[in-house]
Amino acid sequence: MAQGALAHSNANLAIAITGIAGPQGATEQKPLGMVSFAAVAPKNRIRNSTKYFKGNREQIRTQAVIFALELLLAITNNS
């Protein structure tokens, strides 16, 4: 998803995020708070990660945004 976004835009970076922030939708395989990330930069620099956050929907989403921004910073600092 992130690679497609980068390939079809004029952006220098792209990120994709998916997960279960609740309050519904959790399963045994995908528990509440599980969020997966993929970040991509030019020259096929790719980072992906799955994190497990705790809290309510708003708290999980806030933690996910912070982690996503940190992931983008990390991928840009490793040129």
N, C-alpha and C. Protein backbone atom coordinates (compact mmCIF):
# COMPACT_ATOMS: atom_id res chain seq x y z
N MET A 1 0.82 -1.18 0.00
CA MET A 1 0.00 0.00 0.00
C MET A 1 0.87 1.26 0.00
N ALA A 2 1.89 1.28 0.86
CA ALA A 2 2.77 2.45 0.93
C ALA A 2 3.56 2.60 -0.37
N GLN A 3 4.03 1.50 -0.93
CA GLN A 3 4.78 1.56 -2.19
C GLN A 3 3.90 2.08 -3.31
N GLY A 4 2.65 1.65 -3.35
CA GLY A 4 1.72 2.13 -4.37
C GLY A 4 1.45 3.61 -4.23
N ALA A 5 1.29 4.07 -2.99
CA ALA A 5 1.05 5.50 -2.76
C ALA A 5 2.24 6.33 -3.23
N LEU A 6 3.45 5.86 -2.96
CA LEU A 6 4.65 6.58 -3.38
C LEU A 6 4.77 6.58 -4.89
N ALA A 7 4.49 5.43 -5.50
CA ALA A 7 4.64 5.30 -6.96
C ALA A 7 3.62 6.15 -7.73
N HIS A 8 2.47 6.40 -7.14
CA HIS A 8 1.40 7.11 -7.85
C HIS A 8 1.19 8.54 -7.35
N SER A 9 2.24 9.11 -6.79
CA SER A 9 2.13 10.49 -6.30
C SER A 9 3.45 11.20 -6.54
N ASN A 10 3.45 12.46 -6.22
CA ASN A 10 4.69 13.25 -6.29
C ASN A 10 5.37 13.33 -4.93
N ALA A 11 4.98 12.46 -4.02
CA ALA A 11 5.52 12.47 -2.66
C ALA A 11 6.92 11.89 -2.61
N ASN A 12 7.65 12.24 -1.58
CA ASN A 12 8.98 11.67 -1.32
C ASN A 12 8.93 10.53 -0.32
N LEU A 13 7.85 10.46 0.43
CA LEU A 13 7.66 9.43 1.46
C LEU A 13 6.21 8.99 1.43
N ALA A 14 5.97 7.77 1.89
CA ALA A 14 4.60 7.30 2.04
C ALA A 14 4.54 6.36 3.23
N ILE A 15 3.38 6.31 3.84
CA ILE A 15 3.17 5.40 4.96
C ILE A 15 1.78 4.79 4.86
N ALA A 16 1.68 3.54 5.25
CA ALA A 16 0.40 2.85 5.31
C ALA A 16 0.21 2.35 6.73
N ILE A 17 -1.01 2.47 7.22
CA ILE A 17 -1.33 2.05 8.58
C ILE A 17 -2.64 1.27 8.55
N THR A 18 -2.67 0.15 9.24
CA THR A 18 -3.90 -0.61 9.40
C THR A 18 -3.89 -1.26 10.77
N GLY A 19 -5.05 -1.45 11.33
CA GLY A 19 -5.08 -2.09 12.63
C GLY A 19 -6.45 -2.09 13.26
N ILE A 20 -6.47 -2.48 14.52
CA ILE A 20 -7.71 -2.59 15.29
C ILE A 20 -7.64 -1.62 16.46
N ALA A 21 -8.32 -0.49 16.33
CA ALA A 21 -8.32 0.51 17.39
C ALA A 21 -9.55 0.38 18.29
N GLY A 22 -10.51 -0.45 17.90
CA GLY A 22 -11.69 -0.70 18.71
C GLY A 22 -12.76 0.35 18.52
N PRO A 23 -13.81 0.25 19.22
CA PRO A 23 -14.03 -0.72 20.29
C PRO A 23 -14.38 -2.12 19.79
N GLN A 24 -14.68 -2.28 18.51
CA GLN A 24 -15.03 -3.60 17.97
C GLN A 24 -14.02 -4.01 16.92
N GLY A 25 -14.13 -5.25 16.45
CA GLY A 25 -13.31 -5.73 15.35
C GLY A 25 -12.15 -6.61 15.75
N ALA A 26 -11.88 -6.73 17.03
CA ALA A 26 -10.75 -7.55 17.48
C ALA A 26 -11.07 -9.03 17.35
N THR A 27 -10.03 -9.81 17.04
CA THR A 27 -10.12 -11.27 17.01
C THR A 27 -8.92 -11.82 17.77
N GLU A 28 -8.85 -13.13 17.92
CA GLU A 28 -7.68 -13.72 18.57
C GLU A 28 -6.42 -13.44 17.78
N GLN A 29 -6.52 -13.48 16.45
CA GLN A 29 -5.36 -13.24 15.60
C GLN A 29 -5.01 -11.76 15.50
N LYS A 30 -6.01 -10.90 15.65
CA LYS A 30 -5.81 -9.45 15.57
C LYS A 30 -6.45 -8.80 16.78
N PRO A 31 -5.72 -8.75 17.89
CA PRO A 31 -6.30 -8.20 19.13
C PRO A 31 -6.44 -6.68 19.09
N LEU A 32 -7.28 -6.19 19.97
CA LEU A 32 -7.45 -4.75 20.12
C LEU A 32 -6.10 -4.11 20.39
N GLY A 33 -5.79 -3.07 19.66
CA GLY A 33 -4.52 -2.35 19.85
C GLY A 33 -3.43 -2.76 18.89
N MET A 34 -3.65 -3.81 18.09
CA MET A 34 -2.65 -4.24 17.12
C MET A 34 -2.71 -3.31 15.89
N VAL A 35 -1.57 -2.69 15.57
CA VAL A 35 -1.50 -1.77 14.44
C VAL A 35 -0.24 -2.09 13.64
N SER A 36 -0.41 -2.22 12.32
CA SER A 36 0.72 -2.51 11.43
C SER A 36 1.04 -1.28 10.59
N PHE A 37 2.32 -1.08 10.34
CA PHE A 37 2.82 0.09 9.64
C PHE A 37 3.77 -0.33 8.52
N ALA A 38 3.78 0.42 7.44
CA ALA A 38 4.79 0.28 6.40
C ALA A 38 5.14 1.69 5.93
N ALA A 39 6.43 1.99 5.87
CA ALA A 39 6.90 3.28 5.39
C ALA A 39 7.87 3.03 4.26
N VAL A 40 7.82 3.89 3.25
CA VAL A 40 8.70 3.73 2.10
C VAL A 40 9.22 5.09 1.67
N ALA A 41 10.48 5.09 1.26
CA ALA A 41 11.15 6.27 0.75
C ALA A 41 11.84 5.88 -0.56
N PRO A 42 12.33 6.86 -1.32
CA PRO A 42 13.00 6.53 -2.58
C PRO A 42 14.14 5.53 -2.40
N LYS A 43 14.53 4.91 -3.49
CA LYS A 43 15.60 3.91 -3.52
C LYS A 43 15.22 2.66 -2.73
N ASN A 44 13.91 2.36 -2.72
CA ASN A 44 13.39 1.15 -2.06
C ASN A 44 13.74 1.03 -0.59
N ARG A 45 13.85 2.15 0.09
CA ARG A 45 14.02 2.10 1.54
C ARG A 45 12.65 1.82 2.14
N ILE A 46 12.52 0.67 2.78
CA ILE A 46 11.24 0.24 3.32
C ILE A 46 11.42 -0.18 4.77
N ARG A 47 10.48 0.22 5.59
CA ARG A 47 10.45 -0.23 6.99
C ARG A 47 9.03 -0.66 7.29
N ASN A 48 8.89 -1.76 8.00
CA ASN A 48 7.56 -2.15 8.45
C ASN A 48 7.65 -2.65 9.88
N SER A 49 6.51 -2.55 10.55
CA SER A 49 6.47 -2.91 11.96
C SER A 49 5.03 -3.15 12.38
N THR A 50 4.85 -4.02 13.34
CA THR A 50 3.55 -4.21 13.98
C THR A 50 3.73 -3.93 15.46
N LYS A 51 2.87 -3.09 15.99
CA LYS A 51 2.93 -2.69 17.39
C LYS A 51 1.61 -3.03 18.07
N TYR A 52 1.66 -3.18 19.39
CA TYR A 52 0.48 -3.45 20.20
C TYR A 52 0.35 -2.32 21.21
N PHE A 53 -0.66 -1.50 21.03
CA PHE A 53 -0.89 -0.35 21.90
C PHE A 53 -2.03 -0.66 22.87
N LYS A 54 -2.01 -0.01 24.01
CA LYS A 54 -3.06 -0.19 25.02
C LYS A 54 -3.86 1.10 25.15
N GLY A 55 -5.11 0.95 25.57
CA GLY A 55 -5.95 2.11 25.80
C GLY A 55 -7.24 2.03 25.03
N ASN A 56 -7.97 3.15 25.03
CA ASN A 56 -9.22 3.20 24.28
C ASN A 56 -8.91 3.60 22.83
N ARG A 57 -9.94 3.70 22.01
CA ARG A 57 -9.76 3.98 20.58
C ARG A 57 -8.91 5.24 20.34
N GLU A 58 -9.24 6.31 21.02
CA GLU A 58 -8.51 7.57 20.83
C GLU A 58 -7.04 7.42 21.24
N GLN A 59 -6.80 6.75 22.35
CA GLN A 59 -5.42 6.57 22.83
C GLN A 59 -4.61 5.69 21.86
N ILE A 60 -5.23 4.64 21.36
CA ILE A 60 -4.55 3.77 20.40
C ILE A 60 -4.23 4.54 19.12
N ARG A 61 -5.17 5.30 18.63
CA ARG A 61 -4.94 6.08 17.41
C ARG A 61 -3.84 7.13 17.62
N THR A 62 -3.83 7.79 18.76
CA THR A 62 -2.79 8.78 19.05
C THR A 62 -1.41 8.13 19.10
N GLN A 63 -1.31 7.00 19.77
CA GLN A 63 -0.03 6.29 19.84
C GLN A 63 0.42 5.84 18.45
N ALA A 64 -0.53 5.42 17.62
CA ALA A 64 -0.21 4.97 16.26
C ALA A 64 0.32 6.13 15.42
N VAL A 65 -0.28 7.29 15.53
CA VAL A 65 0.19 8.46 14.78
C VAL A 65 1.61 8.83 15.21
N ILE A 66 1.87 8.83 16.49
CA ILE A 66 3.20 9.16 16.99
C ILE A 66 4.23 8.16 16.45
N PHE A 67 3.89 6.88 16.52
CA PHE A 67 4.82 5.87 16.01
C PHE A 67 5.02 6.02 14.51
N ALA A 68 3.96 6.31 13.77
CA ALA A 68 4.08 6.49 12.31
C ALA A 68 5.02 7.64 11.97
N LEU A 69 4.90 8.73 12.68
CA LEU A 69 5.80 9.88 12.45
C LEU A 69 7.25 9.52 12.80
N GLU A 70 7.44 8.77 13.88
CA GLU A 70 8.78 8.32 14.24
C GLU A 70 9.36 7.40 13.17
N LEU A 71 8.52 6.54 12.59
CA LEU A 71 8.95 5.63 11.54
C LEU A 71 9.38 6.42 10.29
N LEU A 72 8.61 7.44 9.95
CA LEU A 72 8.99 8.28 8.81
C LEU A 72 10.30 9.00 9.07
N LEU A 73 10.50 9.50 10.27
CA LEU A 73 11.77 10.15 10.61
C LEU A 73 12.93 9.15 10.51
N ALA A 74 12.72 7.94 10.98
CA ALA A 74 13.77 6.94 10.93
C ALA A 74 14.15 6.59 9.51
N ILE A 75 13.17 6.46 8.64
CA ILE A 75 13.47 6.07 7.26
C ILE A 75 14.15 7.22 6.50
N THR A 76 13.85 8.46 6.86
CA THR A 76 14.51 9.58 6.18
C THR A 76 15.91 9.83 6.72
N ASN A 77 16.17 9.43 7.96
CA ASN A 77 17.51 9.62 8.54
C ASN A 77 18.48 8.54 8.13
N ASN A 78 18.02 7.50 7.47
CA ASN A 78 18.89 6.42 7.01
C ASN A 78 19.05 6.46 5.51
N SER A 79 19.43 7.60 4.99
CA SER A 79 19.59 7.78 3.54
C SER A 79 20.69 6.93 2.98
